[in-house]
Full PDB file with SEQRES, HELIX, SHEET, SSBOND, CRYST1, ORIGX, SCALE, CONECT and MASTER records, all heavy atoms in Angstrom:
SEQRES   1 A   38  ASP LEU ASN ALA ALA ARG MET THR SER SER LEU GLU ARG          
SEQRES   2 A   38  LEU ARG MET PRO THR PHE GLU ALA VAL ALA PHE VAL GLU          
SEQRES   3 A   38  CYS LEU LYS ALA LEU LEU ARG GLU ASP ALA GLY TRP              
HELIX    1 AA1 LEU A    2  ARG A   13  1                                  12    
HELIX    2 AA2 ALA A   21  GLU A   34  1                                  14    
CRYST1    1.000    1.000    1.000  90.00  90.00  90.00 P 1           1          
ORIGX1      1.000000  0.000000  0.000000        0.00000                         
ORIGX2      0.000000  1.000000  0.000000        0.00000                         
ORIGX3      0.000000  0.000000  1.000000        0.00000                         
SCALE1      1.000000  0.000000  0.000000        0.00000                         
SCALE2      0.000000  1.000000  0.000000        0.00000                         
SCALE3      0.000000  0.000000  1.000000        0.00000                         
ATOM      1  N   ASP A   1      -2.843   1.687  -3.889  1.00  0.00           N  
ATOM      2  CA  ASP A   1      -2.150   2.549  -2.963  1.00  0.00           C  
ATOM      3  C   ASP A   1      -2.934   2.639  -1.617  1.00  0.00           C  
ATOM      4  O   ASP A   1      -2.349   2.795  -0.560  1.00  0.00           O  
ATOM      5  CB  ASP A   1      -2.016   3.981  -3.586  1.00  0.00           C  
ATOM      6  CG  ASP A   1      -3.250   4.592  -4.069  1.00  0.00           C  
ATOM      7  OD1 ASP A   1      -4.114   3.910  -4.626  1.00  0.00           O  
ATOM      8  OD2 ASP A   1      -3.402   5.807  -3.814  1.00  0.00           O  
ATOM      9  N   LEU A   2      -4.333   2.664  -1.748  1.00  0.00           N  
ATOM     10  CA  LEU A   2      -5.141   2.744  -0.532  1.00  0.00           C  
ATOM     11  C   LEU A   2      -5.030   1.556   0.394  1.00  0.00           C  
ATOM     12  O   LEU A   2      -5.011   1.490   1.570  1.00  0.00           O  
ATOM     13  CB  LEU A   2      -6.518   3.139  -0.934  1.00  0.00           C  
ATOM     14  CG  LEU A   2      -6.788   4.444  -1.567  1.00  0.00           C  
ATOM     15  CD1 LEU A   2      -8.274   4.706  -1.717  1.00  0.00           C  
ATOM     16  CD2 LEU A   2      -6.101   5.654  -0.789  1.00  0.00           C  
ATOM     17  N   ASN A   3      -5.000   0.349  -0.351  1.00  0.00           N  
ATOM     18  CA  ASN A   3      -4.839  -0.914   0.390  1.00  0.00           C  
ATOM     19  C   ASN A   3      -3.490  -0.985   1.019  1.00  0.00           C  
ATOM     20  O   ASN A   3      -3.375  -1.386   2.143  1.00  0.00           O  
ATOM     21  CB  ASN A   3      -5.004  -2.032  -0.616  1.00  0.00           C  
ATOM     22  CG  ASN A   3      -6.505  -2.236  -1.029  1.00  0.00           C  
ATOM     23  OD1 ASN A   3      -6.748  -1.839  -2.171  1.00  0.00           O  
ATOM     24  ND2 ASN A   3      -7.336  -2.763  -0.230  1.00  0.00           N  
ATOM     25  N   ALA A   4      -2.450  -0.482   0.253  1.00  0.00           N  
ATOM     26  CA  ALA A   4      -1.093  -0.539   0.859  1.00  0.00           C  
ATOM     27  C   ALA A   4      -1.005   0.342   2.158  1.00  0.00           C  
ATOM     28  O   ALA A   4      -0.454   0.049   3.132  1.00  0.00           O  
ATOM     29  CB  ALA A   4      -0.050  -0.100  -0.162  1.00  0.00           C  
ATOM     30  N   ALA A   5      -1.630   1.581   2.030  1.00  0.00           N  
ATOM     31  CA  ALA A   5      -1.685   2.457   3.189  1.00  0.00           C  
ATOM     32  C   ALA A   5      -2.341   1.894   4.330  1.00  0.00           C  
ATOM     33  O   ALA A   5      -1.980   2.081   5.481  1.00  0.00           O  
ATOM     34  CB  ALA A   5      -2.302   3.768   2.781  1.00  0.00           C  
ATOM     35  N   ARG A   6      -3.549   1.278   4.045  1.00  0.00           N  
ATOM     36  CA  ARG A   6      -4.333   0.672   5.137  1.00  0.00           C  
ATOM     37  C   ARG A   6      -3.575  -0.534   5.798  1.00  0.00           C  
ATOM     38  O   ARG A   6      -3.607  -0.659   7.078  1.00  0.00           O  
ATOM     39  CB  ARG A   6      -5.662   0.189   4.612  1.00  0.00           C  
ATOM     40  CG  ARG A   6      -6.602  -0.192   5.724  1.00  0.00           C  
ATOM     41  CD  ARG A   6      -8.024  -0.429   5.214  1.00  0.00           C  
ATOM     42  NE  ARG A   6      -8.170  -1.583   4.294  1.00  0.00           N  
ATOM     43  CZ  ARG A   6      -9.224  -1.939   3.672  1.00  0.00           C  
ATOM     44  NH1 ARG A   6     -10.298  -1.140   3.823  1.00  0.00           N  
ATOM     45  NH2 ARG A   6      -9.277  -2.904   2.816  1.00  0.00           N  
ATOM     46  N   MET A   7      -2.904  -1.331   4.955  1.00  0.00           N  
ATOM     47  CA  MET A   7      -2.149  -2.476   5.583  1.00  0.00           C  
ATOM     48  C   MET A   7      -0.956  -1.947   6.402  1.00  0.00           C  
ATOM     49  O   MET A   7      -0.660  -2.436   7.479  1.00  0.00           O  
ATOM     50  CB  MET A   7      -1.657  -3.370   4.505  1.00  0.00           C  
ATOM     51  CG  MET A   7      -1.021  -4.734   5.042  1.00  0.00           C  
ATOM     52  SD  MET A   7      -0.846  -5.959   3.859  1.00  0.00           S  
ATOM     53  CE  MET A   7      -0.415  -7.335   4.890  1.00  0.00           C  
ATOM     54  N   THR A   8      -0.407  -0.863   5.996  1.00  0.00           N  
ATOM     55  CA  THR A   8       0.737  -0.220   6.801  1.00  0.00           C  
ATOM     56  C   THR A   8       0.152   0.215   8.117  1.00  0.00           C  
ATOM     57  O   THR A   8       0.845   0.018   9.078  1.00  0.00           O  
ATOM     58  CB  THR A   8       1.313   0.921   5.943  1.00  0.00           C  
ATOM     59  OG1 THR A   8       1.903   0.503   4.752  1.00  0.00           O  
ATOM     60  CG2 THR A   8       2.335   1.734   6.798  1.00  0.00           C  
ATOM     61  N   SER A   9      -1.038   0.832   8.065  1.00  0.00           N  
ATOM     62  CA  SER A   9      -1.620   1.263   9.373  1.00  0.00           C  
ATOM     63  C   SER A   9      -1.914   0.009  10.284  1.00  0.00           C  
ATOM     64  O   SER A   9      -1.690   0.107  11.455  1.00  0.00           O  
ATOM     65  CB  SER A   9      -2.938   1.978   8.966  1.00  0.00           C  
ATOM     66  OG  SER A   9      -3.665   2.404  10.296  1.00  0.00           O  
ATOM     67  N   SER A  10      -2.362  -1.072   9.718  1.00  0.00           N  
ATOM     68  CA  SER A  10      -2.650  -2.284  10.447  1.00  0.00           C  
ATOM     69  C   SER A  10      -1.319  -2.806  11.044  1.00  0.00           C  
ATOM     70  O   SER A  10      -1.227  -3.246  12.230  1.00  0.00           O  
ATOM     71  CB  SER A  10      -3.318  -3.359   9.669  1.00  0.00           C  
ATOM     72  OG  SER A  10      -4.651  -2.900   9.224  1.00  0.00           O  
ATOM     73  N   LEU A  11      -0.328  -2.833  10.262  1.00  0.00           N  
ATOM     74  CA  LEU A  11       0.961  -3.326  10.713  1.00  0.00           C  
ATOM     75  C   LEU A  11       1.532  -2.456  11.814  1.00  0.00           C  
ATOM     76  O   LEU A  11       2.114  -2.942  12.829  1.00  0.00           O  
ATOM     77  CB  LEU A  11       2.038  -3.374   9.606  1.00  0.00           C  
ATOM     78  CG  LEU A  11       1.777  -4.437   8.563  1.00  0.00           C  
ATOM     79  CD1 LEU A  11       2.553  -4.104   7.235  1.00  0.00           C  
ATOM     80  CD2 LEU A  11       2.143  -5.799   9.054  1.00  0.00           C  
ATOM     81  N   GLU A  12       1.415  -1.062  11.732  1.00  0.00           N  
ATOM     82  CA  GLU A  12       1.860  -0.297  12.696  1.00  0.00           C  
ATOM     83  C   GLU A  12       1.170  -0.419  14.011  1.00  0.00           C  
ATOM     84  O   GLU A  12       1.748  -0.344  15.107  1.00  0.00           O  
ATOM     85  CB  GLU A  12       1.816   1.243  12.249  1.00  0.00           C  
ATOM     86  CG  GLU A  12       2.804   1.545  11.063  1.00  0.00           C  
ATOM     87  CD  GLU A  12       2.547   2.958  10.547  1.00  0.00           C  
ATOM     88  OE1 GLU A  12       1.412   3.538  10.718  1.00  0.00           O  
ATOM     89  OE2 GLU A  12       3.476   3.447   9.828  1.00  0.00           O  
ATOM     90  N   ARG A  13      -0.114  -0.706  13.953  1.00  0.00           N  
ATOM     91  CA  ARG A  13      -0.952  -0.978  15.167  1.00  0.00           C  
ATOM     92  C   ARG A  13      -0.473  -2.120  15.917  1.00  0.00           C  
ATOM     93  O   ARG A  13      -0.513  -2.218  17.133  1.00  0.00           O  
ATOM     94  CB  ARG A  13      -2.363  -1.127  14.810  1.00  0.00           C  
ATOM     95  CG  ARG A  13      -3.422  -1.322  15.918  1.00  0.00           C  
ATOM     96  CD  ARG A  13      -3.445   0.020  16.791  1.00  0.00           C  
ATOM     97  NE  ARG A  13      -4.431  -0.074  17.834  1.00  0.00           N  
ATOM     98  CZ  ARG A  13      -4.345  -0.601  18.993  1.00  0.00           C  
ATOM     99  NH1 ARG A  13      -3.132  -1.220  19.347  1.00  0.00           N  
ATOM    100  NH2 ARG A  13      -5.284  -0.663  19.852  1.00  0.00           N  
ATOM    101  N   LEU A  14       0.056  -3.199  15.200  1.00  0.00           N  
ATOM    102  CA  LEU A  14       0.610  -4.345  15.787  1.00  0.00           C  
ATOM    103  C   LEU A  14       2.099  -4.333  16.036  1.00  0.00           C  
ATOM    104  O   LEU A  14       2.685  -5.328  16.544  1.00  0.00           O  
ATOM    105  CB  LEU A  14       0.262  -5.598  14.906  1.00  0.00           C  
ATOM    106  CG  LEU A  14      -1.202  -5.800  14.649  1.00  0.00           C  
ATOM    107  CD1 LEU A  14      -1.418  -6.887  13.610  1.00  0.00           C  
ATOM    108  CD2 LEU A  14      -1.978  -6.156  15.905  1.00  0.00           C  
ATOM    109  N   ARG A  15       2.745  -3.240  15.768  1.00  0.00           N  
ATOM    110  CA  ARG A  15       4.163  -3.105  15.804  1.00  0.00           C  
ATOM    111  C   ARG A  15       4.907  -4.270  15.001  1.00  0.00           C  
ATOM    112  O   ARG A  15       5.867  -4.815  15.379  1.00  0.00           O  
ATOM    113  CB  ARG A  15       4.665  -3.160  17.299  1.00  0.00           C  
ATOM    114  CG  ARG A  15       4.338  -1.914  18.011  1.00  0.00           C  
ATOM    115  CD  ARG A  15       5.071  -0.668  17.481  1.00  0.00           C  
ATOM    116  NE  ARG A  15       6.538  -0.861  17.752  1.00  0.00           N  
ATOM    117  CZ  ARG A  15       7.449   0.010  17.224  1.00  0.00           C  
ATOM    118  NH1 ARG A  15       7.012   1.057  16.507  1.00  0.00           N  
ATOM    119  NH2 ARG A  15       8.716  -0.123  17.499  1.00  0.00           N  
ATOM    120  N   MET A  16       4.466  -4.382  13.736  1.00  0.00           N  
ATOM    121  CA  MET A  16       5.018  -5.319  12.786  1.00  0.00           C  
ATOM    122  C   MET A  16       5.663  -4.547  11.826  1.00  0.00           C  
ATOM    123  O   MET A  16       5.358  -3.307  11.553  1.00  0.00           O  
ATOM    124  CB  MET A  16       3.890  -6.254  12.267  1.00  0.00           C  
ATOM    125  CG  MET A  16       3.344  -7.223  13.274  1.00  0.00           C  
ATOM    126  SD  MET A  16       2.050  -8.220  12.673  1.00  0.00           S  
ATOM    127  CE  MET A  16       2.937  -9.447  11.532  1.00  0.00           C  
ATOM    128  N   PRO A  17       6.612  -5.144  11.032  1.00  0.00           N  
ATOM    129  CA  PRO A  17       7.413  -4.368   9.990  1.00  0.00           C  
ATOM    130  C   PRO A  17       6.540  -3.861   8.875  1.00  0.00           C  
ATOM    131  O   PRO A  17       5.659  -4.548   8.386  1.00  0.00           O  
ATOM    132  CB  PRO A  17       8.566  -5.314   9.616  1.00  0.00           C  
ATOM    133  CG  PRO A  17       7.878  -6.683   9.923  1.00  0.00           C  
ATOM    134  CD  PRO A  17       7.104  -6.536  11.095  1.00  0.00           C  
ATOM    135  N   THR A  18       6.892  -2.697   8.343  1.00  0.00           N  
ATOM    136  CA  THR A  18       6.121  -2.139   7.208  1.00  0.00           C  
ATOM    137  C   THR A  18       6.937  -2.125   5.924  1.00  0.00           C  
ATOM    138  O   THR A  18       8.051  -2.715   5.915  1.00  0.00           O  
ATOM    139  CB  THR A  18       5.701  -0.684   7.588  1.00  0.00           C  
ATOM    140  OG1 THR A  18       6.854   0.130   7.803  1.00  0.00           O  
ATOM    141  CG2 THR A  18       4.820  -0.651   8.814  1.00  0.00           C  
ATOM    142  N   PHE A  19       6.462  -1.510   4.888  1.00  0.00           N  
ATOM    143  CA  PHE A  19       7.080  -1.526   3.577  1.00  0.00           C  
ATOM    144  C   PHE A  19       6.715  -0.270   2.821  1.00  0.00           C  
ATOM    145  O   PHE A  19       5.756   0.454   3.221  1.00  0.00           O  
ATOM    146  CB  PHE A  19       6.693  -2.733   2.863  1.00  0.00           C  
ATOM    147  CG  PHE A  19       5.331  -3.077   2.925  1.00  0.00           C  
ATOM    148  CD1 PHE A  19       4.317  -2.338   2.376  1.00  0.00           C  
ATOM    149  CD2 PHE A  19       4.934  -4.261   3.655  1.00  0.00           C  
ATOM    150  CE1 PHE A  19       2.962  -2.725   2.582  1.00  0.00           C  
ATOM    151  CE2 PHE A  19       3.551  -4.595   3.822  1.00  0.00           C  
ATOM    152  CZ  PHE A  19       2.568  -3.795   3.275  1.00  0.00           C  
ATOM    153  N   GLU A  20       7.480   0.016   1.805  1.00  0.00           N  
ATOM    154  CA  GLU A  20       7.049   1.107   0.895  1.00  0.00           C  
ATOM    155  C   GLU A  20       5.936   0.627   0.053  1.00  0.00           C  
ATOM    156  O   GLU A  20       5.851  -0.490  -0.438  1.00  0.00           O  
ATOM    157  CB  GLU A  20       8.228   1.522   0.045  1.00  0.00           C  
ATOM    158  CG  GLU A  20       9.300   2.171   0.732  1.00  0.00           C  
ATOM    159  CD  GLU A  20       8.924   3.487   1.359  1.00  0.00           C  
ATOM    160  OE1 GLU A  20       8.077   4.201   0.745  1.00  0.00           O  
ATOM    161  OE2 GLU A  20       9.515   3.882   2.469  1.00  0.00           O  
ATOM    162  N   ALA A  21       4.847   1.507  -0.121  1.00  0.00           N  
ATOM    163  CA  ALA A  21       3.643   1.118  -0.876  1.00  0.00           C  
ATOM    164  C   ALA A  21       4.007   0.696  -2.291  1.00  0.00           C  
ATOM    165  O   ALA A  21       3.407  -0.287  -2.807  1.00  0.00           O  
ATOM    166  CB  ALA A  21       2.653   2.253  -0.799  1.00  0.00           C  
ATOM    167  N   VAL A  22       4.879   1.451  -2.926  1.00  0.00           N  
ATOM    168  CA  VAL A  22       5.178   1.148  -4.430  1.00  0.00           C  
ATOM    169  C   VAL A  22       5.809  -0.201  -4.477  1.00  0.00           C  
ATOM    170  O   VAL A  22       5.465  -0.998  -5.404  1.00  0.00           O  
ATOM    171  CB  VAL A  22       6.203   2.207  -4.971  1.00  0.00           C  
ATOM    172  CG1 VAL A  22       6.634   1.823  -6.280  1.00  0.00           C  
ATOM    173  CG2 VAL A  22       5.415   3.562  -5.005  1.00  0.00           C  
ATOM    174  N   ALA A  23       6.705  -0.555  -3.559  1.00  0.00           N  
ATOM    175  CA  ALA A  23       7.308  -1.898  -3.612  1.00  0.00           C  
ATOM    176  C   ALA A  23       6.324  -2.987  -3.310  1.00  0.00           C  
ATOM    177  O   ALA A  23       6.318  -4.112  -3.990  1.00  0.00           O  
ATOM    178  CB  ALA A  23       8.471  -2.000  -2.619  1.00  0.00           C  
ATOM    179  N   PHE A  24       5.458  -2.764  -2.448  1.00  0.00           N  
ATOM    180  CA  PHE A  24       4.358  -3.715  -2.140  1.00  0.00           C  
ATOM    181  C   PHE A  24       3.501  -4.038  -3.326  1.00  0.00           C  
ATOM    182  O   PHE A  24       3.215  -5.092  -3.745  1.00  0.00           O  
ATOM    183  CB  PHE A  24       3.495  -3.214  -0.967  1.00  0.00           C  
ATOM    184  CG  PHE A  24       2.323  -4.060  -0.617  1.00  0.00           C  
ATOM    185  CD1 PHE A  24       2.399  -5.239  -0.071  1.00  0.00           C  
ATOM    186  CD2 PHE A  24       1.014  -3.413  -0.904  1.00  0.00           C  
ATOM    187  CE1 PHE A  24       1.236  -5.962   0.282  1.00  0.00           C  
ATOM    188  CE2 PHE A  24      -0.055  -4.150  -0.555  1.00  0.00           C  
ATOM    189  CZ  PHE A  24      -0.062  -5.384  -0.068  1.00  0.00           C  
ATOM    190  N   VAL A  25       3.081  -2.937  -3.991  1.00  0.00           N  
ATOM    191  CA  VAL A  25       2.280  -3.059  -5.191  1.00  0.00           C  
ATOM    192  C   VAL A  25       2.959  -3.760  -6.352  1.00  0.00           C  
ATOM    193  O   VAL A  25       2.435  -4.627  -7.053  1.00  0.00           O  
ATOM    194  CB  VAL A  25       1.653  -1.752  -5.689  1.00  0.00           C  
ATOM    195  CG1 VAL A  25       0.957  -1.863  -6.960  1.00  0.00           C  
ATOM    196  CG2 VAL A  25       0.809  -1.085  -4.559  1.00  0.00           C  
ATOM    197  N   GLU A  26       4.287  -3.476  -6.467  1.00  0.00           N  
ATOM    198  CA  GLU A  26       5.042  -4.170  -7.513  1.00  0.00           C  
ATOM    199  C   GLU A  26       5.070  -5.710  -7.279  1.00  0.00           C  
ATOM    200  O   GLU A  26       5.064  -6.483  -8.264  1.00  0.00           O  
ATOM    201  CB  GLU A  26       6.450  -3.518  -7.662  1.00  0.00           C  
ATOM    202  CG  GLU A  26       6.470  -2.188  -8.284  1.00  0.00           C  
ATOM    203  CD  GLU A  26       5.813  -2.108  -9.623  1.00  0.00           C  
ATOM    204  OE1 GLU A  26       6.005  -3.066 -10.442  1.00  0.00           O  
ATOM    205  OE2 GLU A  26       5.117  -1.165  -9.867  1.00  0.00           O  
ATOM    206  N   CYS A  27       5.271  -6.128  -6.029  1.00  0.00           N  
ATOM    207  CA  CYS A  27       5.171  -7.528  -5.743  1.00  0.00           C  
ATOM    208  C   CYS A  27       3.855  -8.134  -6.041  1.00  0.00           C  
ATOM    209  O   CYS A  27       3.887  -9.247  -6.565  1.00  0.00           O  
ATOM    210  CB  CYS A  27       5.538  -7.743  -4.178  1.00  0.00           C  
ATOM    211  SG  CYS A  27       7.242  -7.373  -3.714  1.00  0.00           S  
ATOM    212  N   LEU A  28       2.788  -7.487  -5.799  1.00  0.00           N  
ATOM    213  CA  LEU A  28       1.474  -7.944  -6.133  1.00  0.00           C  
ATOM    214  C   LEU A  28       1.362  -8.086  -7.679  1.00  0.00           C  
ATOM    215  O   LEU A  28       0.717  -9.023  -8.277  1.00  0.00           O  
ATOM    216  CB  LEU A  28       0.387  -7.083  -5.693  1.00  0.00           C  
ATOM    217  CG  LEU A  28       0.388  -6.976  -4.116  1.00  0.00           C  
ATOM    218  CD1 LEU A  28      -0.866  -6.179  -3.704  1.00  0.00           C  
ATOM    219  CD2 LEU A  28       0.358  -8.269  -3.411  1.00  0.00           C  
ATOM    220  N   LYS A  29       1.833  -7.095  -8.402  1.00  0.00           N  
ATOM    221  CA  LYS A  29       1.859  -7.144  -9.905  1.00  0.00           C  
ATOM    222  C   LYS A  29       2.597  -8.321 -10.457  1.00  0.00           C  
ATOM    223  O   LYS A  29       2.179  -8.989 -11.412  1.00  0.00           O  
ATOM    224  CB  LYS A  29       2.421  -5.879 -10.361  1.00  0.00           C  
ATOM    225  CG  LYS A  29       1.647  -4.678 -10.403  1.00  0.00           C  
ATOM    226  CD  LYS A  29       2.258  -3.443 -11.029  1.00  0.00           C  
ATOM    227  CE  LYS A  29       1.442  -2.188 -10.981  1.00  0.00           C  
ATOM    228  NZ  LYS A  29       2.104  -1.064 -11.751  1.00  0.00           N  
ATOM    229  N   ALA A  30       3.692  -8.663  -9.779  1.00  0.00           N  
ATOM    230  CA  ALA A  30       4.520  -9.785 -10.163  1.00  0.00           C  
ATOM    231  C   ALA A  30       3.714 -11.123 -10.090  1.00  0.00           C  
ATOM    232  O   ALA A  30       3.754 -11.949 -10.943  1.00  0.00           O  
ATOM    233  CB  ALA A  30       5.765  -9.938  -9.312  1.00  0.00           C  
ATOM    234  N   LEU A  31       2.912 -11.259  -8.921  1.00  0.00           N  
ATOM    235  CA  LEU A  31       2.045 -12.391  -8.801  1.00  0.00           C  
ATOM    236  C   LEU A  31       0.929 -12.426  -9.890  1.00  0.00           C  
ATOM    237  O   LEU A  31       0.676 -13.444 -10.533  1.00  0.00           O  
ATOM    238  CB  LEU A  31       1.369 -12.299  -7.497  1.00  0.00           C  
ATOM    239  CG  LEU A  31       0.283 -13.496  -7.156  1.00  0.00           C  
ATOM    240  CD1 LEU A  31       0.946 -14.876  -7.269  1.00  0.00           C  
ATOM    241  CD2 LEU A  31      -0.314 -13.219  -5.798  1.00  0.00           C  
ATOM    242  N   LEU A  32       0.446 -11.304 -10.189  1.00  0.00           N  
ATOM    243  CA  LEU A  32      -0.628 -11.180 -11.222  1.00  0.00           C  
ATOM    244  C   LEU A  32      -0.087 -11.557 -12.652  1.00  0.00           C  
ATOM    245  O   LEU A  32      -0.742 -12.116 -13.425  1.00  0.00           O  
ATOM    246  CB  LEU A  32      -1.243  -9.802 -11.276  1.00  0.00           C  
ATOM    247  CG  LEU A  32      -2.260  -9.585 -10.087  1.00  0.00           C  
ATOM    248  CD1 LEU A  32      -2.581  -8.122  -9.905  1.00  0.00           C  
ATOM    249  CD2 LEU A  32      -3.537 -10.305 -10.333  1.00  0.00           C  
ATOM    250  N   ARG A  33       1.127 -11.083 -12.931  1.00  0.00           N  
ATOM    251  CA  ARG A  33       1.768 -11.421 -14.209  1.00  0.00           C  
ATOM    252  C   ARG A  33       1.911 -12.911 -14.319  1.00  0.00           C  
ATOM    253  O   ARG A  33       1.712 -13.572 -15.341  1.00  0.00           O  
ATOM    254  CB  ARG A  33       3.037 -10.739 -14.384  1.00  0.00           C  
ATOM    255  CG  ARG A  33       2.995  -9.241 -14.487  1.00  0.00           C  
ATOM    256  CD  ARG A  33       4.341  -8.672 -14.956  1.00  0.00           C  
ATOM    257  NE  ARG A  33       4.299  -7.150 -14.745  1.00  0.00           N  
ATOM    258  CZ  ARG A  33       4.716  -6.515 -13.750  1.00  0.00           C  
ATOM    259  NH1 ARG A  33       5.283  -7.212 -12.736  1.00  0.00           N  
ATOM    260  NH2 ARG A  33       4.647  -5.161 -13.706  1.00  0.00           N  
ATOM    261  N   GLU A  34       2.377 -13.533 -13.202  1.00  0.00           N  
ATOM    262  CA  GLU A  34       2.615 -15.005 -13.294  1.00  0.00           C  
ATOM    263  C   GLU A  34       1.307 -15.761 -13.404  1.00  0.00           C  
ATOM    264  O   GLU A  34       1.267 -16.809 -14.107  1.00  0.00           O  
ATOM    265  CB  GLU A  34       3.322 -15.461 -11.983  1.00  0.00           C  
ATOM    266  CG  GLU A  34       3.930 -16.858 -12.008  1.00  0.00           C  
ATOM    267  CD  GLU A  34       4.968 -16.951 -13.096  1.00  0.00           C  
ATOM    268  OE1 GLU A  34       5.720 -15.996 -13.414  1.00  0.00           O  
ATOM    269  OE2 GLU A  34       5.102 -18.072 -13.724  1.00  0.00           O  
ATOM    270  N   ASP A  35       0.323 -15.278 -12.744  1.00  0.00           N  
ATOM    271  CA  ASP A  35      -1.008 -16.035 -12.832  1.00  0.00           C  
ATOM    272  C   ASP A  35      -2.120 -15.175 -13.514  1.00  0.00           C  
ATOM    273  O   ASP A  35      -3.279 -15.207 -13.139  1.00  0.00           O  
ATOM    274  CB  ASP A  35      -1.538 -16.370 -11.356  1.00  0.00           C  
ATOM    275  CG  ASP A  35      -0.757 -17.494 -10.834  1.00  0.00           C  
ATOM    276  OD1 ASP A  35      -0.057 -18.232 -11.548  1.00  0.00           O  
ATOM    277  OD2 ASP A  35      -1.032 -17.809  -9.588  1.00  0.00           O  
ATOM    278  N   ALA A  36      -1.738 -14.564 -14.630  1.00  0.00           N  
ATOM    279  CA  ALA A  36      -2.582 -13.753 -15.272  1.00  0.00           C  
ATOM    280  C   ALA A  36      -3.758 -14.497 -15.922  1.00  0.00           C  
ATOM    281  O   ALA A  36      -4.901 -13.966 -15.987  1.00  0.00           O  
ATOM    282  CB  ALA A  36      -1.898 -13.032 -16.524  1.00  0.00           C  
ATOM    283  N   GLY A  37      -3.657 -15.746 -16.205  1.00  0.00           N  
ATOM    284  CA  GLY A  37      -4.685 -16.486 -16.648  1.00  0.00           C  
ATOM    285  C   GLY A  37      -5.752 -16.839 -15.719  1.00  0.00           C  
ATOM    286  O   GLY A  37      -6.842 -17.293 -16.033  1.00  0.00           O  
ATOM    287  N   TRP A  38      -5.475 -16.477 -14.387  1.00  0.00           N  
ATOM    288  CA  TRP A  38      -6.539 -16.699 -13.285  1.00  0.00           C  
ATOM    289  C   TRP A  38      -7.356 -15.556 -13.066  1.00  0.00           C  
ATOM    290  O   TRP A  38      -8.194 -15.560 -12.163  1.00  0.00           O  
ATOM    291  CB  TRP A  38      -5.761 -17.110 -12.116  1.00  0.00           C  
ATOM    292  CG  TRP A  38      -5.192 -18.581 -12.165  1.00  0.00           C  
ATOM    293  CD1 TRP A  38      -4.031 -18.917 -12.822  1.00  0.00           C  
ATOM    294  CD2 TRP A  38      -5.809 -19.721 -11.675  1.00  0.00           C  
ATOM    295  NE1 TRP A  38      -3.859 -20.333 -12.680  1.00  0.00           N  
ATOM    296  CE2 TRP A  38      -4.965 -20.858 -11.953  1.00  0.00           C  
ATOM    297  CE3 TRP A  38      -6.882 -20.034 -10.885  1.00  0.00           C  
ATOM    298  CZ2 TRP A  38      -5.200 -22.163 -11.601  1.00  0.00           C  
ATOM    299  CZ3 TRP A  38      -7.196 -21.315 -10.506  1.00  0.00           C  
ATOM    300  CH2 TRP A  38      -6.301 -22.370 -10.892  1.00  0.00           C  
TER     301      TRP A  38                                                      
MASTER        0    0    0    2    0    0    0    6  300    1    0    3          
END                                                                             
């Protein structure tokens, strides 16, 4: 959640689109599930 909040802050500083933290973390979880062996 802290990484998501910090990335949101960085995106806002650059006027780039942001996202909901929960959705962002779920996307990362999906990657980890797919590559759990790594």
